[in-house]
């Protein structure tokens, strides 16, 4: 069962016309599910596509480190790391 533990704002790079990268704040709802975590970006489908974000980021936190369910080559691992930093600051993990 998923339990919402918090919401966090993190900076996500967006690719704009002309190959310009801008960082925009994105709100994520974070859930704890049976020892795992799920972060859901509060964006519509079009915004998620522009930000190159999936519907949800799934990860574990073990031995003081986050591990993406998508593996070592997860292109959104930077977002997971920032979410974990904010969870640590809030003393939620």
PDB file of N, CA and C in Angstrom:
ATOM      1  N   UNK A   1       0.842  -1.183   0.000  1.00  0.00           N
ATOM      2  CA  UNK A   1       0.000   0.000   0.000  1.00  0.00           C
ATOM      3  C   UNK A   1       0.891   1.251   0.000  1.00  0.00           C
ATOM      4  N   UNK A   2       0.549   2.196  -0.831  1.00  0.00           N
ATOM      5  CA  UNK A   2       1.337   3.422  -0.959  1.00  0.00           C
ATOM      6  C   UNK A   2       0.884   4.453   0.067  1.00  0.00           C
ATOM      7  N   UNK A   3       1.856   4.984   0.802  1.00  0.00           N
ATOM      8  CA  UNK A   3       1.588   6.040   1.772  1.00  0.00           C
ATOM      9  C   UNK A   3       2.356   7.278   1.349  1.00  0.00           C
ATOM     10  N   UNK A   4       1.643   8.378   1.098  1.00  0.00           N
ATOM     11  CA  UNK A   4       2.314   9.623   0.747  1.00  0.00           C
ATOM     12  C   UNK A   4       3.051  10.124   1.970  1.00  0.00           C
ATOM     13  N   UNK A   5       4.360  10.388   1.785  1.00  0.00           N
ATOM     14  CA  UNK A   5       5.147  10.857   2.924  1.00  0.00           C
ATOM     15  C   UNK A   5       5.459  12.345   2.845  1.00  0.00           C
ATOM     16  N   UNK A   6       5.519  12.903   1.638  1.00  0.00           N
ATOM     17  CA  UNK A   6       5.803  14.330   1.505  1.00  0.00           C
ATOM     18  C   UNK A   6       5.683  14.754   0.046  1.00  0.00           C
ATOM     19  N   UNK A   7       5.846  16.036  -0.179  1.00  0.00           N
ATOM     20  CA  UNK A   7       5.996  16.599  -1.521  1.00  0.00           C
ATOM     21  C   UNK A   7       7.280  17.412  -1.517  1.00  0.00           C
ATOM     22  N   UNK A   8       8.034  17.338  -2.615  1.00  0.00           N
ATOM     23  CA  UNK A   8       9.292  18.083  -2.714  1.00  0.00           C
ATOM     24  C   UNK A   8       9.369  18.795  -4.063  1.00  0.00           C
ATOM     25  N   UNK A   9      10.000  19.948  -4.070  1.00  0.00           N
ATOM     26  CA  UNK A   9      10.283  20.700  -5.295  1.00  0.00           C
ATOM     27  C   UNK A   9      11.740  20.503  -5.641  1.00  0.00           C
ATOM     28  N   UNK A  10      12.007  20.067  -6.872  1.00  0.00           N
ATOM     29  CA  UNK A  10      13.391  19.954  -7.306  1.00  0.00           C
ATOM     30  C   UNK A  10      13.557  20.583  -8.683  1.00  0.00           C
ATOM     31  N   UNK A  11      14.762  20.954  -8.990  1.00  0.00           N
ATOM     32  CA  UNK A  11      15.088  21.578 -10.260  1.00  0.00           C
ATOM     33  C   UNK A  11      15.327  20.495 -11.312  1.00  0.00           C
ATOM     34  N   UNK A  12      14.596  20.594 -12.419  1.00  0.00           N
ATOM     35  CA  UNK A  12      14.701  19.624 -13.512  1.00  0.00           C
ATOM     36  C   UNK A  12      15.100  20.361 -14.785  1.00  0.00           C
ATOM     37  N   UNK A  13      16.083  19.845 -15.521  1.00  0.00           N
ATOM     38  CA  UNK A  13      16.464  20.498 -16.779  1.00  0.00           C
ATOM     39  C   UNK A  13      15.423  20.253 -17.869  1.00  0.00           C
ATOM     40  N   UNK A  14      15.040  21.313 -18.551  1.00  0.00           N
ATOM     41  CA  UNK A  14      14.118  21.260 -19.680  1.00  0.00           C
ATOM     42  C   UNK A  14      14.886  21.678 -20.921  1.00  0.00           C
ATOM     43  N   UNK A  15      14.719  20.928 -22.009  1.00  0.00           N
ATOM     44  CA  UNK A  15      15.356  21.317 -23.269  1.00  0.00           C
ATOM     45  C   UNK A  15      14.400  22.249 -24.003  1.00  0.00           C
ATOM     46  N   UNK A  16      14.885  23.433 -24.317  1.00  0.00           N
ATOM     47  CA  UNK A  16      14.097  24.461 -25.001  1.00  0.00           C
ATOM     48  C   UNK A  16      14.570  24.577 -26.444  1.00  0.00           C
ATOM     49  N   UNK A  17      13.788  25.258 -27.286  1.00  0.00           N
ATOM     50  CA  UNK A  17      14.223  25.455 -28.674  1.00  0.00           C
ATOM     51  C   UNK A  17      15.622  26.052 -28.747  1.00  0.00           C
ATOM     52  N   UNK A  18      16.379  25.628 -29.751  1.00  0.00           N
ATOM     53  CA  UNK A  18      17.748  26.111 -29.905  1.00  0.00           C
ATOM     54  C   UNK A  18      18.728  25.365 -29.026  1.00  0.00           C
ATOM     55  N   UNK A  19      18.325  24.176 -28.533  1.00  0.00           N
ATOM     56  CA  UNK A  19      19.171  23.358 -27.642  1.00  0.00           C
ATOM     57  C   UNK A  19      19.592  24.096 -26.382  1.00  0.00           C
ATOM     58  N   UNK A  20      18.746  24.972 -25.905  1.00  0.00           N
ATOM     59  CA  UNK A  20      18.997  25.688 -24.654  1.00  0.00           C
ATOM     60  C   UNK A  20      18.401  24.860 -23.516  1.00  0.00           C
ATOM     61  N   UNK A  21      19.179  24.669 -22.467  1.00  0.00           N
ATOM     62  CA  UNK A  21      18.720  23.932 -21.293  1.00  0.00           C
ATOM     63  C   UNK A  21      18.371  24.937 -20.204  1.00  0.00           C
ATOM     64  N   UNK A  22      17.150  24.836 -19.723  1.00  0.00           N
ATOM     65  CA  UNK A  22      16.710  25.664 -18.588  1.00  0.00           C
ATOM     66  C   UNK A  22      16.272  24.737 -17.463  1.00  0.00           C
ATOM     67  N   UNK A  23      16.457  25.191 -16.254  1.00  0.00           N
ATOM     68  CA  UNK A  23      16.034  24.418 -15.088  1.00  0.00           C
ATOM     69  C   UNK A  23      14.756  25.018 -14.537  1.00  0.00           C
ATOM     70  N   UNK A  24      13.759  24.170 -14.362  1.00  0.00           N
ATOM     71  CA  UNK A  24      12.482  24.588 -13.795  1.00  0.00           C
ATOM     72  C   UNK A  24      12.186  23.749 -12.558  1.00  0.00           C
ATOM     73  N   UNK A  25      11.547  24.353 -11.585  1.00  0.00           N
ATOM     74  CA  UNK A  25      11.139  23.620 -10.386  1.00  0.00           C
ATOM     75  C   UNK A  25       9.961  22.718 -10.728  1.00  0.00           C
ATOM     76  N   UNK A  26      10.057  21.465 -10.298  1.00  0.00           N
ATOM     77  CA  UNK A  26       8.983  20.494 -10.493  1.00  0.00           C
ATOM     78  C   UNK A  26       8.617  19.920  -9.131  1.00  0.00           C
ATOM     79  N   UNK A  27       7.323  19.891  -8.851  1.00  0.00           N
ATOM     80  CA  UNK A  27       6.817  19.320  -7.609  1.00  0.00           C
ATOM     81  C   UNK A  27       6.630  17.817  -7.795  1.00  0.00           C
ATOM     82  N   UNK A  28       7.148  17.037  -6.848  1.00  0.00           N
ATOM     83  CA  UNK A  28       6.978  15.587  -6.839  1.00  0.00           C
ATOM     84  C   UNK A  28       6.252  15.191  -5.558  1.00  0.00           C
ATOM     85  N   UNK A  29       5.248  14.333  -5.673  1.00  0.00           N
ATOM     86  CA  UNK A  29       4.653  13.684  -4.509  1.00  0.00           C
ATOM     87  C   UNK A  29       5.443  12.403  -4.282  1.00  0.00           C
ATOM     88  N   UNK A  30       5.883  12.180  -3.039  1.00  0.00           N
ATOM     89  CA  UNK A  30       6.722  11.027  -2.731  1.00  0.00           C
ATOM     90  C   UNK A  30       5.941  10.069  -1.838  1.00  0.00           C
ATOM     91  N   UNK A  31       5.972   8.788  -2.232  1.00  0.00           N
ATOM     92  CA  UNK A  31       5.240   7.739  -1.527  1.00  0.00           C
ATOM     93  C   UNK A  31       6.208   6.664  -1.058  1.00  0.00           C
ATOM     94  N   UNK A  32       5.881   6.038   0.060  1.00  0.00           N
ATOM     95  CA  UNK A  32       6.609   4.877   0.558  1.00  0.00           C
ATOM     96  C   UNK A  32       5.731   3.659   0.313  1.00  0.00           C
ATOM     97  N   UNK A  33       6.321   2.635  -0.340  1.00  0.00           N
ATOM     98  CA  UNK A  33       5.564   1.428  -0.677  1.00  0.00           C
ATOM     99  C   UNK A  33       6.397   0.213  -0.287  1.00  0.00           C
ATOM    100  N   UNK A  34       6.045  -0.435   0.802  1.00  0.00           N
ATOM    101  CA  UNK A  34       6.712  -1.672   1.213  1.00  0.00           C
ATOM    102  C   UNK A  34       8.239  -1.585   1.159  1.00  0.00           C
ATOM    103  N   UNK A  35       8.825  -0.537   1.708  1.00  0.00           N
ATOM    104  CA  UNK A  35      10.264  -0.384   1.753  1.00  0.00           C
ATOM    105  C   UNK A  35      10.879   0.238   0.512  1.00  0.00           C
ATOM    106  N   UNK A  36      10.066   0.543  -0.477  1.00  0.00           N
ATOM    107  CA  UNK A  36      10.527   1.203  -1.694  1.00  0.00           C
ATOM    108  C   UNK A  36       9.921   2.604  -1.719  1.00  0.00           C
ATOM    109  N   UNK A  37      10.371   3.412  -2.665  1.00  0.00           N
ATOM    110  CA  UNK A  37       9.856   4.774  -2.798  1.00  0.00           C
ATOM    111  C   UNK A  37       9.395   5.020  -4.221  1.00  0.00           C
ATOM    112  N   UNK A  38       8.383   5.858  -4.334  1.00  0.00           N
ATOM    113  CA  UNK A  38       7.854   6.265  -5.636  1.00  0.00           C
ATOM    114  C   UNK A  38       7.700   7.776  -5.608  1.00  0.00           C
ATOM    115  N   UNK A  39       8.276   8.448  -6.614  1.00  0.00           N
ATOM    116  CA  UNK A  39       8.153   9.895  -6.743  1.00  0.00           C
ATOM    117  C   UNK A  39       7.374  10.179  -8.018  1.00  0.00           C
ATOM    118  N   UNK A  40       6.253  10.884  -7.878  1.00  0.00           N
ATOM    119  CA  UNK A  40       5.373  11.160  -9.008  1.00  0.00           C
ATOM    120  C   UNK A  40       5.438  12.651  -9.330  1.00  0.00           C
ATOM    121  N   UNK A  41       5.915  12.996 -10.548  1.00  0.00           N
ATOM    122  CA  UNK A  41       5.961  14.415 -10.907  1.00  0.00           C
ATOM    123  C   UNK A  41       4.541  14.959 -11.097  1.00  0.00           C
ATOM    124  N   UNK A  42       4.288  16.131 -10.571  1.00  0.00           N
ATOM    125  CA  UNK A  42       2.967  16.765 -10.688  1.00  0.00           C
ATOM    126  C   UNK A  42       2.940  17.597 -11.969  1.00  0.00           C
ATOM    127  N   UNK A  43       3.020  16.886 -13.098  1.00  0.00           N
ATOM    128  CA  UNK A  43       3.012  17.497 -14.421  1.00  0.00           C
ATOM    129  C   UNK A  43       2.031  16.742 -15.303  1.00  0.00           C
ATOM    130  N   UNK A  44       1.481  17.425 -16.306  1.00  0.00           N
ATOM    131  CA  UNK A  44       0.643  16.704 -17.264  1.00  0.00           C
ATOM    132  C   UNK A  44       1.557  15.969 -18.253  1.00  0.00           C
ATOM    133  N   UNK A  45       0.964  15.169 -19.114  1.00  0.00           N
ATOM    134  CA  UNK A  45       1.753  14.329 -20.022  1.00  0.00           C
ATOM    135  C   UNK A  45       2.686  15.144 -20.923  1.00  0.00           C
ATOM    136  N   UNK A  46       2.189  16.241 -21.462  1.00  0.00           N
ATOM    137  CA  UNK A  46       3.009  17.080 -22.333  1.00  0.00           C
ATOM    138  C   UNK A  46       4.191  17.679 -21.597  1.00  0.00           C
ATOM    139  N   UNK A  47       3.967  18.150 -20.384  1.00  0.00           N
ATOM    140  CA  UNK A  47       5.052  18.731 -19.584  1.00  0.00           C
ATOM    141  C   UNK A  47       6.089  17.668 -19.217  1.00  0.00           C
ATOM    142  N   UNK A  48       5.602  16.453 -18.901  1.00  0.00           N
ATOM    143  CA  UNK A  48       6.524  15.356 -18.584  1.00  0.00           C
ATOM    144  C   UNK A  48       7.394  15.016 -19.788  1.00  0.00           C
ATOM    145  N   UNK A  49       6.801  15.025 -20.974  1.00  0.00           N
ATOM    146  CA  UNK A  49       7.549  14.713 -22.193  1.00  0.00           C
ATOM    147  C   UNK A  49       8.657  15.747 -22.420  1.00  0.00           C
ATOM    148  N   UNK A  50       8.323  17.027 -22.260  1.00  0.00           N
ATOM    149  CA  UNK A  50       9.320  18.092 -22.432  1.00  0.00           C
ATOM    150  C   UNK A  50      10.437  17.957 -21.402  1.00  0.00           C
ATOM    151  N   UNK A  51      10.077  17.600 -20.175  1.00  0.00           N
ATOM    152  CA  UNK A  51      11.064  17.455 -19.099  1.00  0.00           C
ATOM    153  C   UNK A  51      11.765  16.093 -19.132  1.00  0.00           C
ATOM    154  N   UNK A  52      11.330  15.216 -20.043  1.00  0.00           N
ATOM    155  CA  UNK A  52      11.898  13.870 -20.167  1.00  0.00           C
ATOM    156  C   UNK A  52      11.774  13.090 -18.852  1.00  0.00           C
ATOM    157  N   UNK A  53      10.575  13.147 -18.262  1.00  0.00           N
ATOM    158  CA  UNK A  53      10.313  12.435 -17.013  1.00  0.00           C
ATOM    159  C   UNK A  53       9.277  11.341 -17.254  1.00  0.00           C
ATOM    160  N   UNK A  54       9.440  10.182 -16.623  1.00  0.00           N
ATOM    161  CA  UNK A  54       8.417   9.136 -16.695  1.00  0.00           C
ATOM    162  C   UNK A  54       7.237   9.484 -15.783  1.00  0.00           C
ATOM    163  N   UNK A  55       6.204   8.656 -15.794  1.00  0.00           N
ATOM    164  CA  UNK A  55       5.051   8.887 -14.920  1.00  0.00           C
ATOM    165  C   UNK A  55       5.425   8.806 -13.450  1.00  0.00           C
ATOM    166  N   UNK A  56       6.450   8.000 -13.151  1.00  0.00           N
ATOM    167  CA  UNK A  56       6.895   7.859 -11.765  1.00  0.00           C
ATOM    168  C   UNK A  56       8.354   7.427 -11.746  1.00  0.00           C
ATOM    169  N   UNK A  57       9.044   7.806 -10.699  1.00  0.00           N
ATOM    170  CA  UNK A  57      10.419   7.372 -10.462  1.00  0.00           C
ATOM    171  C   UNK A  57      10.376   6.401  -9.288  1.00  0.00           C
ATOM    172  N   UNK A  58      10.830   5.180  -9.510  1.00  0.00           N
ATOM    173  CA  UNK A  58      10.829   4.157  -8.467  1.00  0.00           C
ATOM    174  C   UNK A  58      12.260   3.916  -8.012  1.00  0.00           C
ATOM    175  N   UNK A  59      12.451   3.884  -6.691  1.00  0.00           N
ATOM    176  CA  UNK A  59      13.799   3.679  -6.168  1.00  0.00           C
ATOM    177  C   UNK A  59      13.767   3.071  -4.778  1.00  0.00           C
ATOM    178  N   UNK A  60      14.902   2.484  -4.407  1.00  0.00           N
ATOM    179  CA  UNK A  60      15.140   1.976  -3.059  1.00  0.00           C
ATOM    180  C   UNK A  60      16.175   2.887  -2.410  1.00  0.00           C
ATOM    181  N   UNK A  61      16.240   2.829  -1.111  1.00  0.00           N
ATOM    182  CA  UNK A  61      17.276   3.542  -0.362  1.00  0.00           C
ATOM    183  C   UNK A  61      17.902   2.527   0.586  1.00  0.00           C
ATOM    184  N   UNK A  62      19.122   2.097   0.256  1.00  0.00           N
ATOM    185  CA  UNK A  62      19.793   1.062   1.040  1.00  0.00           C
ATOM    186  C   UNK A  62      21.226   1.477   1.321  1.00  0.00           C
ATOM    187  N   UNK A  63      21.683   1.232   2.527  1.00  0.00           N
ATOM    188  CA  UNK A  63      23.067   1.515   2.927  1.00  0.00           C
ATOM    189  C   UNK A  63      23.445   2.972   2.652  1.00  0.00           C
ATOM    190  N   UNK A  64      22.479   3.874   2.846  1.00  0.00           N
ATOM    191  CA  UNK A  64      22.738   5.295   2.689  1.00  0.00           C
ATOM    192  C   UNK A  64      22.791   5.786   1.253  1.00  0.00           C
ATOM    193  N   UNK A  65      22.344   4.950   0.293  1.00  0.00           N
ATOM    194  CA  UNK A  65      22.387   5.335  -1.115  1.00  0.00           C
ATOM    195  C   UNK A  65      21.077   4.999  -1.810  1.00  0.00           C
ATOM    196  N   UNK A  66      20.673   5.843  -2.780  1.00  0.00           N
ATOM    197  CA  UNK A  66      19.492   5.514  -3.584  1.00  0.00           C
ATOM    198  C   UNK A  66      19.861   4.562  -4.721  1.00  0.00           C
ATOM    199  N   UNK A  67      18.938   3.686  -5.076  1.00  0.00           N
ATOM    200  CA  UNK A  67      19.096   2.765  -6.195  1.00  0.00           C
ATOM    201  C   UNK A  67      17.830   2.812  -7.041  1.00  0.00           C
ATOM    202  N   UNK A  68      17.971   3.202  -8.291  1.00  0.00           N
ATOM    203  CA  UNK A  68      16.831   3.285  -9.197  1.00  0.00           C
ATOM    204  C   UNK A  68      16.378   1.891  -9.610  1.00  0.00           C
ATOM    205  N   UNK A  69      15.068   1.694  -9.738  1.00  0.00           N
ATOM    206  CA  UNK A  69      14.545   0.432 -10.242  1.00  0.00           C
ATOM    207  C   UNK A  69      14.855   0.261 -11.723  1.00  0.00           C
ATOM    208  N   UNK A  70      15.202   1.347 -12.417  1.00  0.00           N
ATOM    209  CA  UNK A  70      15.524   1.279 -13.838  1.00  0.00           C
ATOM    210  C   UNK A  70      16.993   0.936 -14.074  1.00  0.00           C
ATOM    211  N   UNK A  71      17.774   0.799 -13.019  1.00  0.00           N
ATOM    212  CA  UNK A  71      19.164   0.394 -13.156  1.00  0.00           C
ATOM    213  C   UNK A  71      20.147   1.547 -13.133  1.00  0.00           C
ATOM    214  N   UNK A  72      21.396   1.200 -13.364  1.00  0.00           N
ATOM    215  CA  UNK A  72      22.493   2.160 -13.259  1.00  0.00           C
ATOM    216  C   UNK A  72      22.463   3.248 -14.326  1.00  0.00           C
ATOM    217  N   UNK A  73      21.837   2.978 -15.450  1.00  0.00           N
ATOM    218  CA  UNK A  73      21.835   3.936 -16.550  1.00  0.00           C
ATOM    219  C   UNK A  73      20.561   4.779 -16.597  1.00  0.00           C
ATOM    220  N   UNK A  74      19.855   4.887 -15.483  1.00  0.00           N
ATOM    221  CA  UNK A  74      18.631   5.689 -15.424  1.00  0.00           C
ATOM    222  C   UNK A  74      18.958   7.155 -15.712  1.00  0.00           C
ATOM    223  N   UNK A  75      18.407   7.679 -16.786  1.00  0.00           N
ATOM    224  CA  UNK A  75      18.664   9.061 -17.177  1.00  0.00           C
ATOM    225  C   UNK A  75      18.084  10.092 -16.223  1.00  0.00           C
ATOM    226  N   UNK A  76      17.237   9.650 -15.292  1.00  0.00           N
ATOM    227  CA  UNK A  76      16.636  10.565 -14.315  1.00  0.00           C
ATOM    228  C   UNK A  76      17.196  10.348 -12.914  1.00  0.00           C
ATOM    229  N   UNK A  77      18.358   9.691 -12.829  1.00  0.00           N
ATOM    230  CA  UNK A  77      18.931   9.412 -11.517  1.00  0.00           C
ATOM    231  C   UNK A  77      19.260  10.692 -10.759  1.00  0.00           C
ATOM    232  N   UNK A  78      19.624  11.764 -11.479  1.00  0.00           N
ATOM    233  CA  UNK A  78      19.898  13.050 -10.826  1.00  0.00           C
ATOM    234  C   UNK A  78      18.675  13.529 -10.039  1.00  0.00           C
ATOM    235  N   UNK A  79      17.477  13.279 -10.565  1.00  0.00           N
ATOM    236  CA  UNK A  79      16.249  13.675  -9.870  1.00  0.00           C
ATOM    237  C   UNK A  79      16.054  12.830  -8.617  1.00  0.00           C
ATOM    238  N   UNK A  80      16.316  11.537  -8.730  1.00  0.00           N
ATOM    239  CA  UNK A  80      16.190  10.647  -7.569  1.00  0.00           C
ATOM    240  C   UNK A  80      17.161  11.089  -6.471  1.00  0.00           C
ATOM    241  N   UNK A  81      18.398  11.408  -6.846  1.00  0.00           N
ATOM    242  CA  UNK A  81      19.384  11.848  -5.845  1.00  0.00           C
ATOM    243  C   UNK A  81      18.925  13.118  -5.137  1.00  0.00           C
ATOM    244  N   UNK A  82      18.366  14.057  -5.880  1.00  0.00           N
ATOM    245  CA  UNK A  82      17.896  15.303  -5.260  1.00  0.00           C
ATOM    246  C   UNK A  82      16.684  15.052  -4.362  1.00  0.00           C
ATOM    247  N   UNK A  83      15.802  14.168  -4.778  1.00  0.00           N
ATOM    248  CA  UNK A  83      14.648  13.811  -3.946  1.00  0.00           C
ATOM    249  C   UNK A  83      15.134  13.189  -2.637  1.00  0.00           C
ATOM    250  N   UNK A  84      16.107  12.291  -2.720  1.00  0.00           N
ATOM    251  CA  UNK A  84      16.656  11.652  -1.515  1.00  0.00           C
ATOM    252  C   UNK A  84      17.299  12.691  -0.605  1.00  0.00           C
ATOM    253  N   UNK A  85      18.040  13.659  -1.168  1.00  0.00           N
ATOM    254  CA  UNK A  85      18.637  14.716  -0.341  1.00  0.00           C
ATOM    255  C   UNK A  85      17.554  15.473   0.430  1.00  0.00           C
ATOM    256  N   UNK A  86      16.462  15.777  -0.228  1.00  0.00           N
ATOM    257  CA  UNK A  86      15.390  16.504   0.457  1.00  0.00           C
ATOM    258  C   UNK A  86      14.694  15.634   1.496  1.00  0.00           C
ATOM    259  N   UNK A  87      14.552  14.345   1.209  1.00  0.00           N
ATOM    260  CA  UNK A  87      13.985  13.434   2.211  1.00  0.00           C
ATOM    261  C   UNK A  87      14.896  13.344   3.432  1.00  0.00           C
ATOM    262  N   UNK A  88      16.208  13.349   3.202  1.00  0.00           N
ATOM    263  CA  UNK A  88      17.157  13.323   4.313  1.00  0.00           C
ATOM    264  C   UNK A  88      17.063  14.606   5.134  1.00  0.00           C
ATOM    265  N   UNK A  89      16.955  15.756   4.460  1.00  0.00           N
ATOM    266  CA  UNK A  89      16.843  17.033   5.170  1.00  0.00           C
ATOM    267  C   UNK A  89      15.579  17.076   6.028  1.00  0.00           C
ATOM    268  N   UNK A  90      14.512  16.453   5.529  1.00  0.00           N
ATOM    269  CA  UNK A  90      13.257  16.408   6.270  1.00  0.00           C
ATOM    270  C   UNK A  90      13.243  15.259   7.292  1.00  0.00           C
ATOM    271  N   UNK A  91      14.352  14.501   7.352  1.00  0.00           N
ATOM    272  CA  UNK A  91      14.512  13.367   8.278  1.00  0.00           C
ATOM    273  C   UNK A  91      13.426  12.312   8.059  1.00  0.00           C
ATOM    274  N   UNK A  92      13.117  12.053   6.782  1.00  0.00           N
ATOM    275  CA  UNK A  92      12.124  11.052   6.435  1.00  0.00           C
ATOM    276  C   UNK A  92      12.753   9.737   6.011  1.00  0.00           C
ATOM    277  N   UNK A  93      14.076   9.771   5.753  1.00  0.00           N
ATOM    278  CA  UNK A  93      14.819   8.520   5.505  1.00  0.00           C
ATOM    279  C   UNK A  93      16.150   8.615   6.200  1.00  0.00           C
TER     280      UNK A  93
END
